[in-house]
Protein backbone atom coordinates (compact mmCIF):
# COMPACT_ATOMS: atom_id res chain seq x y z
CA MET A 1 40.45 -20.85 -10.98
CA SER A 2 37.83 -18.58 -8.71
CA GLU A 3 35.66 -19.85 -6.42
CA GLN A 4 32.12 -20.72 -7.78
CA LYS A 5 29.69 -18.66 -6.02
CA LYS A 6 26.61 -18.97 -4.38
CA ALA A 7 22.92 -18.05 -4.29
CA ALA A 8 20.36 -18.53 -2.60
CA ALA A 9 16.74 -18.05 -4.80
CA LEU A 10 13.84 -17.22 -3.07
CA ILE A 11 11.37 -19.86 -4.51
CA SER A 12 7.64 -19.43 -4.58
CA GLY A 13 6.84 -22.12 -7.51
CA GLY A 14 5.72 -19.61 -10.09
CA LEU A 15 7.10 -19.13 -13.33
CA ASP A 16 8.95 -15.88 -12.41
CA SER A 17 10.80 -17.28 -9.59
CA MET A 18 11.69 -20.18 -11.88
CA LEU A 19 13.01 -18.05 -14.26
CA ALA A 20 15.36 -16.18 -12.29
CA ALA A 21 17.15 -18.85 -11.00
CA LYS A 22 17.31 -20.13 -14.20
CA VAL A 23 19.16 -17.22 -15.45
CA VAL A 24 21.15 -16.99 -13.28
CA MET A 25 22.02 -20.98 -12.69
CA GLU A 26 23.02 -20.78 -16.79
CA GLN A 27 25.43 -17.81 -15.93
CA GLY A 28 27.45 -20.47 -13.80
CA VAL A 29 26.39 -19.53 -10.14
CA HIS A 30 25.59 -22.63 -7.65
CA VAL A 31 21.89 -21.42 -6.99
CA GLU A 32 19.75 -23.59 -4.10
CA GLY A 33 16.48 -22.13 -3.66
CA ILE A 34 14.37 -21.29 -0.68
CA ASN A 35 10.67 -21.41 -0.07
CA PHE A 36 9.14 -19.71 2.88
CA PHE A 37 5.82 -21.76 4.23
CA THR A 38 3.25 -19.34 5.90
CA GLY A 39 0.36 -21.82 5.47
CA PHE A 40 -1.20 -19.06 2.99
CA CYS A 41 -0.62 -20.91 -0.06
CA VAL A 42 -3.39 -22.39 -2.23
CA GLU A 43 -1.69 -24.40 -3.88
CA GLY A 44 -1.17 -28.29 -3.33
CA HIS A 45 -3.21 -29.48 -0.77
CA THR A 46 -6.39 -27.00 -1.70
CA HIS A 47 -6.51 -29.06 -4.81
CA ALA A 48 -6.14 -32.46 -3.60
CA ILE A 49 -9.13 -32.24 -1.07
CA ARG A 50 -11.54 -30.55 -3.70
CA SER A 51 -13.00 -32.69 -6.68
CA LYS A 52 -13.35 -29.74 -8.41
CA ASP A 53 -9.62 -29.42 -9.02
CA LYS A 54 -8.84 -32.73 -9.71
CA ALA A 55 -7.54 -32.14 -13.13
CA LYS A 56 -5.36 -29.70 -11.32
CA PRO A 57 -1.44 -31.07 -10.13
CA LYS A 58 -1.57 -32.79 -6.87
CA ARG A 59 2.57 -31.39 -6.40
CA ASN A 60 3.86 -28.78 -4.29
CA ASN A 61 4.94 -26.11 -7.07
CA SER A 62 7.79 -25.27 -4.57
CA LEU A 63 9.41 -28.34 -5.09
CA TRP A 64 8.33 -29.01 -8.27
CA VAL A 65 10.10 -26.55 -9.77
CA ALA A 66 13.37 -26.89 -7.53
CA GLU A 67 12.66 -30.45 -9.49
CA GLN A 68 13.33 -29.04 -12.78
CA LEU A 69 16.02 -26.65 -12.10
CA GLY A 70 17.63 -29.85 -10.88
CA ILE A 71 18.60 -27.43 -7.25
CA LYS A 72 18.36 -28.50 -3.81
CA LEU A 73 15.12 -26.88 -2.24
CA HIS A 74 15.24 -25.49 1.94
CA ILE A 75 11.14 -25.28 2.82
CA ILE A 76 11.32 -23.63 6.20
CA ASP A 77 8.78 -23.20 8.64
CA ILE A 78 7.69 -19.15 9.31
CA ILE A 79 4.10 -19.76 10.60
CA GLU A 80 5.00 -18.43 13.94
CA GLU A 81 7.03 -15.66 12.88
CA TYR A 82 4.77 -14.42 10.06
CA LYS A 83 1.89 -13.28 12.44
CA GLN A 84 3.46 -10.33 13.71
CA VAL A 85 3.35 -9.40 9.27
CA LEU A 86 0.22 -10.48 9.03
CA LEU A 87 -1.57 -8.51 12.19
CA ASN A 88 1.35 -5.59 12.09
CA PRO A 89 2.62 -4.55 8.75
CA ARG A 90 4.28 -2.07 8.92
CA HIS A 91 3.41 -0.68 5.26
CA GLY A 92 -0.30 -1.83 5.57
CA TYR A 93 -2.87 -4.12 3.42
CA GLY A 94 -2.88 -4.54 -0.59
CA ALA A 95 -6.55 -4.49 -1.65
CA HIS A 96 -7.33 -6.93 1.27
CA MET A 97 -5.64 -9.03 3.83
CA ASN A 98 -2.38 -9.27 2.43
CA PRO A 99 0.62 -7.68 4.09
CA CYS A 100 2.59 -7.91 0.31
CA LEU A 101 5.28 -5.37 0.73
CA ASP A 102 6.09 -6.05 4.39
CA CYS A 103 6.08 -9.79 3.43
CA LYS A 104 8.76 -9.34 1.30
CA ILE A 105 10.43 -7.54 3.52
CA PHE A 106 10.57 -9.96 6.01
CA MET A 107 11.00 -12.71 3.71
CA VAL A 108 14.15 -11.77 1.53
CA ASP A 109 15.71 -10.61 5.51
CA LYS A 110 14.76 -14.32 6.40
CA ALA A 111 17.19 -15.51 3.08
CA ARG A 112 19.63 -12.66 4.01
CA GLN A 113 20.72 -13.98 7.63
CA TRP A 114 20.06 -17.84 6.05
CA ILE A 115 22.95 -16.64 2.94
CA ALA A 116 25.55 -15.27 5.96
CA GLU A 117 24.88 -18.83 8.15
CA ASN A 118 25.34 -21.17 5.03
CA GLY A 119 28.08 -18.92 3.19
CA PHE A 120 26.30 -18.12 -0.05
CA ASP A 121 27.05 -14.88 -1.95
CA PHE A 122 23.64 -13.14 -2.65
CA ILE A 123 19.63 -13.58 -3.06
CA ILE A 124 17.60 -13.78 -6.02
CA THR A 125 14.15 -13.02 -6.54
CA GLY A 126 11.23 -13.65 -9.60
CA GLU A 127 10.34 -9.96 -8.94
CA VAL A 128 9.26 -7.84 -12.07
CA ILE A 129 8.32 -3.60 -11.97
CA GLY A 130 5.14 -2.98 -12.26
CA GLN A 131 4.16 -6.70 -11.97
CA ARG A 132 2.56 -6.45 -8.78
CA PRO A 133 0.29 -2.91 -7.42
CA MET A 134 2.02 -3.09 -4.37
CA SER A 135 5.04 -4.81 -3.77
CA GLN A 136 6.57 -4.51 -6.84
CA ARG A 137 6.52 -1.16 -8.09
CA ARG A 138 9.85 0.91 -9.23
CA GLN A 139 9.26 2.58 -5.69
CA THR A 140 8.92 0.31 -3.51
CA MET A 141 12.15 -2.41 -4.63
CA PRO A 142 14.36 0.22 -2.89
CA ILE A 143 12.17 -0.58 0.10
CA VAL A 144 12.80 -4.14 0.19
CA ALA A 145 16.01 -3.99 -0.51
CA ARG A 146 16.79 -1.50 2.16
CA GLU A 147 14.51 -2.87 5.08
CA SER A 148 15.39 -6.23 4.24
CA GLY A 149 18.97 -5.48 5.03
CA ALA A 150 19.69 -7.28 2.13
CA GLY A 151 20.76 -3.48 -0.07
CA ASP A 152 22.79 -4.58 -2.96
CA LEU A 153 23.07 -8.36 -2.33
CA LEU A 154 19.30 -8.60 -3.82
CA LEU A 155 19.56 -9.70 -7.69
CA ARG A 156 16.37 -9.69 -9.42
CA PRO A 157 17.32 -11.28 -12.92
CA LEU A 158 14.40 -10.66 -14.05
CA CYS A 159 14.21 -6.83 -14.34
CA ALA A 160 17.51 -6.15 -13.38
CA LEU A 161 18.31 -3.47 -16.16
CA ASN A 162 15.88 -1.13 -15.42
CA LEU A 163 17.58 -1.10 -11.66
CA PRO A 164 20.77 0.68 -10.71
CA GLU A 165 24.04 -2.28 -10.94
CA THR A 166 23.99 -4.78 -8.05
CA LEU A 167 27.48 -6.38 -6.11
CA PRO A 168 26.92 -10.07 -7.98
CA GLU A 169 26.68 -7.41 -11.44
CA ARG A 170 29.76 -5.22 -10.48
CA GLN A 171 31.32 -7.53 -9.13
CA GLY A 172 31.50 -9.82 -12.30
CA TRP A 173 29.60 -12.90 -10.35
CA VAL A 174 27.03 -12.28 -13.33
CA LYS A 175 27.06 -10.40 -16.08
CA ARG A 176 24.84 -7.77 -16.92
CA ASP A 177 24.18 -7.89 -20.50
CA LEU A 178 22.82 -11.54 -19.81
CA LEU A 179 19.86 -10.34 -17.23
CA HIS A 180 16.27 -8.87 -18.38
CA ASP A 181 14.75 -5.55 -18.85
CA PHE A 182 11.03 -7.28 -17.78
CA SER A 183 8.39 -4.70 -16.44
CA GLY A 184 4.51 -4.54 -16.32
CA ARG A 185 1.92 -6.93 -16.06
CA SER A 186 2.59 -8.78 -19.37
CA ARG A 187 3.69 -12.00 -18.75
CA LYS A 188 4.65 -12.59 -22.40
CA PRO A 189 8.44 -12.28 -22.25
CA GLN A 190 8.18 -14.58 -19.37
CA MET A 191 6.65 -17.23 -21.16
CA ALA A 192 8.61 -16.10 -23.80
CA LEU A 193 11.96 -17.06 -21.92
CA ALA A 194 10.30 -20.27 -20.39
CA GLU A 195 10.01 -21.54 -24.04
CA LYS A 196 13.35 -20.83 -24.70
CA TYR A 197 14.61 -22.46 -21.38
CA GLY A 198 12.02 -25.78 -22.50
CA PHE A 199 9.74 -25.30 -19.46
CA ASP A 200 6.14 -26.38 -20.50
CA ASP A 201 4.52 -26.66 -17.75
CA TYR A 202 4.46 -24.09 -14.68
CA ALA A 203 2.23 -22.33 -12.84
CA GLN A 204 -0.49 -20.37 -14.03
CA PRO A 205 0.84 -16.65 -14.26
CA ALA A 206 0.04 -14.45 -12.76
CA GLY A 207 -2.48 -16.94 -10.74
CA GLY A 208 -0.06 -15.71 -7.30
CA CYS A 209 -0.32 -17.93 -4.72
CA CYS A 210 -1.44 -16.78 -1.63
CA PHE A 211 -4.57 -16.82 -0.08
CA LEU A 212 -4.56 -13.35 1.82
CA THR A 213 -5.21 -11.65 -1.92
CA ASP A 214 -8.47 -13.05 -1.71
CA GLU A 215 -11.62 -11.10 -1.29
CA HIS A 216 -13.93 -13.88 0.25
CA TYR A 217 -11.05 -15.65 2.25
CA SER A 218 -9.86 -12.43 3.89
CA VAL A 219 -13.71 -11.60 4.33
CA LYS A 220 -13.56 -14.83 6.57
CA LEU A 221 -10.45 -14.24 8.44
CA VAL A 222 -11.82 -11.01 9.63
CA ASP A 223 -14.87 -12.26 10.81
CA LEU A 224 -13.03 -14.90 13.06
CA TRP A 225 -10.77 -12.27 14.50
CA LYS A 226 -14.08 -10.28 15.38
CA ALA A 227 -15.90 -13.86 16.60
CA ARG A 228 -13.03 -14.32 19.22
CA GLY A 229 -12.23 -11.26 19.91
CA LYS A 230 -8.92 -11.29 18.92
CA ARG A 231 -6.64 -11.19 16.20
CA ASP A 232 -5.24 -14.69 16.11
CA TYR A 233 -4.87 -17.58 14.55
CA ASP A 234 -3.17 -21.56 14.05
CA LEU A 235 -2.60 -23.38 11.09
CA ASP A 236 -5.96 -25.05 11.56
CA ASP A 237 -8.03 -22.25 11.68
CA VAL A 238 -5.30 -20.93 8.02
CA MET A 239 -6.95 -24.78 6.66
CA LEU A 240 -10.94 -24.28 7.68
CA LEU A 241 -10.66 -21.31 6.33
CA LYS A 242 -10.12 -22.41 2.60
CA VAL A 243 -12.53 -25.10 3.04
CA GLY A 244 -16.45 -25.14 3.13
CA ARG A 245 -19.81 -22.79 3.09
CA HIS A 246 -19.42 -20.81 6.08
CA ILE A 247 -22.34 -19.39 7.84
CA ARG A 248 -22.29 -17.54 10.76
CA PRO A 249 -26.17 -16.67 11.99
CA ASN A 250 -24.70 -14.54 14.90
CA PRO A 251 -21.60 -14.16 16.48
CA ASP A 252 -21.93 -17.01 19.32
CA PHE A 253 -21.28 -19.39 16.50
CA LYS A 254 -20.59 -20.29 12.96
CA LEU A 255 -21.29 -23.38 10.82
CA ILE A 256 -18.53 -24.81 8.57
CA ILE A 257 -20.16 -27.17 5.94
CA ALA A 258 -18.92 -29.43 2.88
CA ARG A 259 -19.71 -28.87 -0.10
CA GLU A 260 -18.34 -31.64 -1.89
CA GLU A 261 -17.30 -35.37 -1.19
CA GLY A 262 -13.48 -34.11 -0.84
CA GLU A 263 -14.24 -31.46 1.56
CA ASN A 264 -16.37 -33.96 3.24
CA ARG A 265 -13.67 -36.64 3.92
CA PHE A 266 -11.51 -33.77 4.88
CA LEU A 267 -13.26 -32.22 7.82
CA GLN A 268 -13.60 -35.88 8.90
CA GLY A 269 -10.04 -35.03 10.61
CA TYR A 270 -11.30 -32.08 12.49
CA ARG A 271 -14.53 -34.35 13.97
CA LYS A 272 -12.73 -34.62 17.64
CA GLN A 273 -11.77 -30.81 17.83
CA PHE A 274 -15.25 -29.34 17.02
CA ILE A 275 -18.99 -30.47 17.59
CA SER A 276 -20.39 -31.56 14.49
CA MET A 277 -23.38 -33.16 12.49
CA GLU A 278 -24.53 -34.48 9.41
CA ALA A 279 -28.01 -35.39 8.26
CA VAL A 280 -28.37 -39.33 8.52
CA SER A 281 -32.15 -39.94 6.95
CA HIS A 282 -30.95 -38.63 4.31
CA ARG A 283 -27.61 -38.14 1.80
CA GLY A 284 -25.68 -34.65 3.31
CA PRO A 285 -22.36 -32.85 3.84
CA LEU A 286 -20.63 -32.91 7.28
CA THR A 287 -20.82 -30.07 9.49
CA LEU A 288 -18.61 -28.17 11.97
CA ILE A 289 -19.71 -25.88 14.68
CA ASP A 290 -17.28 -22.81 15.62
CA GLY A 291 -18.01 -21.52 18.80
CA SER A 292 -20.19 -21.91 21.78
CA PRO A 293 -24.02 -22.51 20.30
CA SER A 294 -26.61 -22.42 22.70
CA SER A 295 -29.29 -25.66 22.36
CA GLU A 296 -31.66 -23.11 20.12
CA ASP A 297 -28.62 -22.37 18.34
CA LEU A 298 -27.86 -25.97 17.66
CA ASN A 299 -31.36 -26.89 16.66
CA LEU A 300 -30.75 -23.98 13.98
CA ALA A 301 -27.39 -25.48 12.85
CA ALA A 302 -29.14 -28.56 12.44
CA ARG A 303 -31.60 -27.14 10.32
CA ILE A 304 -29.24 -25.23 7.95
CA THR A 305 -27.24 -28.58 7.36
CA ALA A 306 -30.58 -30.07 6.57
CA ARG A 307 -30.80 -27.56 3.86
CA TYR A 308 -27.60 -28.81 1.93
CA GLY A 309 -28.62 -31.87 1.74
CA GLN A 310 -31.08 -34.15 -0.34
CA GLY A 311 -33.80 -33.99 2.30
CA ARG A 312 -33.33 -30.17 1.95
CA ASP A 313 -37.02 -30.99 0.18
CA ALA A 314 -38.28 -33.04 3.56
CA GLN A 315 -40.62 -32.80 5.97
CA GLN A 316 -38.32 -34.15 8.74
CA VAL A 317 -35.06 -34.54 8.42
CA GLU A 318 -32.34 -36.19 10.74
CA VAL A 319 -29.31 -35.17 12.28
CA LYS A 320 -26.93 -36.45 14.36
CA VAL A 321 -24.89 -34.12 16.43
CA LEU A 322 -21.67 -35.67 17.76
CA ASP A 323 -20.24 -33.40 20.82
CA LYS A 324 -17.44 -34.28 22.52
CA ASP A 325 -18.00 -38.05 22.47
CA GLN A 326 -21.90 -37.32 23.31
CA GLU A 327 -24.54 -38.50 20.44
CA ARG A 328 -28.00 -37.11 19.84
CA LEU A 329 -30.01 -36.89 17.16
CA LEU A 330 -32.36 -34.59 16.63
CA LYS A 331 -35.43 -34.51 14.29
CA VAL A 332 -35.78 -31.02 12.16
CA LYS A 333 -37.42 -28.99 9.71
CA PRO A 334 -34.73 -27.90 6.73
CA LEU A 335 -34.39 -24.34 6.79
CA SER A 336 -35.84 -22.88 2.82
CA VAL A 337 -33.19 -20.84 1.29
CA ASP A 338 -35.07 -17.57 1.65
CA GLU A 339 -34.44 -18.64 5.85
CA ILE A 340 -30.52 -18.21 5.47
CA PRO A 341 -30.06 -14.53 4.68
CA GLU A 342 -27.25 -12.95 2.63
CA ALA A 343 -25.61 -11.67 5.76
CA TRP A 344 -25.25 -15.01 7.33
CA HIS A 345 -22.69 -15.71 4.76
CA VAL A 346 -19.25 -15.07 5.74
């Protein structure tokens, strides 16, 4: 009997990667999943933080997909390595701060290294021609294969019939006529295939899982770099940009104001890293201050904090300020909504 071939599937947690892995598994190939953690993913933790997302599954979709498929999943932390992809993308950015083509090349390259180190034979991705404007076009797919070094070890089962044969097909490890010819942005073929396989619960098709494709998040990231005078970040920065209302009255400081109780609880975990403030005379949000505010700035921040609490219409609100275990009380008049210019909102 011939030796069973082994493939590593890039599992994002979405429908496409789940289907791509399943298509190959159906041909008797041993498949294991790889998920690369950059910190910029939308799912899981953000759904758990916000009350408004309470109906959404509180799960890591990549782990959940692996469970549905019955395969092992390797989660690989690439936060530090990924910085160079985001900060210096050779192929540039998409509509926002998303370096999608460089990101795909990087991840396929990492998968190529992984299969060489672990005795696997080829790589699977859930890419579909024409589905994404930057990284999944007919012109860019050969670039991913070439610049990642994967070459024809990279199999895209959902659109393989629209592409030249790869090594797994030529060698008979998979049968080409059992692969697919999906193309374009419609997800109807994928949803039909999901129904065939009995998958009735999966991440929202076309939803994506990267905050860098979000306009508002990208603006906040660029604002952070501008304020600090350098293009760098850490995981705490990544997380805090996902949460709260961000207001920058001047270049020296920014407020991160919780918008609901779930965000309030989350921001509590960062109180020792920032100056924090919250109203004590009226119910209101927790606010973190990022930067180097003056006493005048703190007074303004307190007035803004009071504006977003239940004392917004009061003549005076008492706001507690905590800075390096030093606590003091400010008595301020809340700003009106007209006194908070749109330009302050990041």
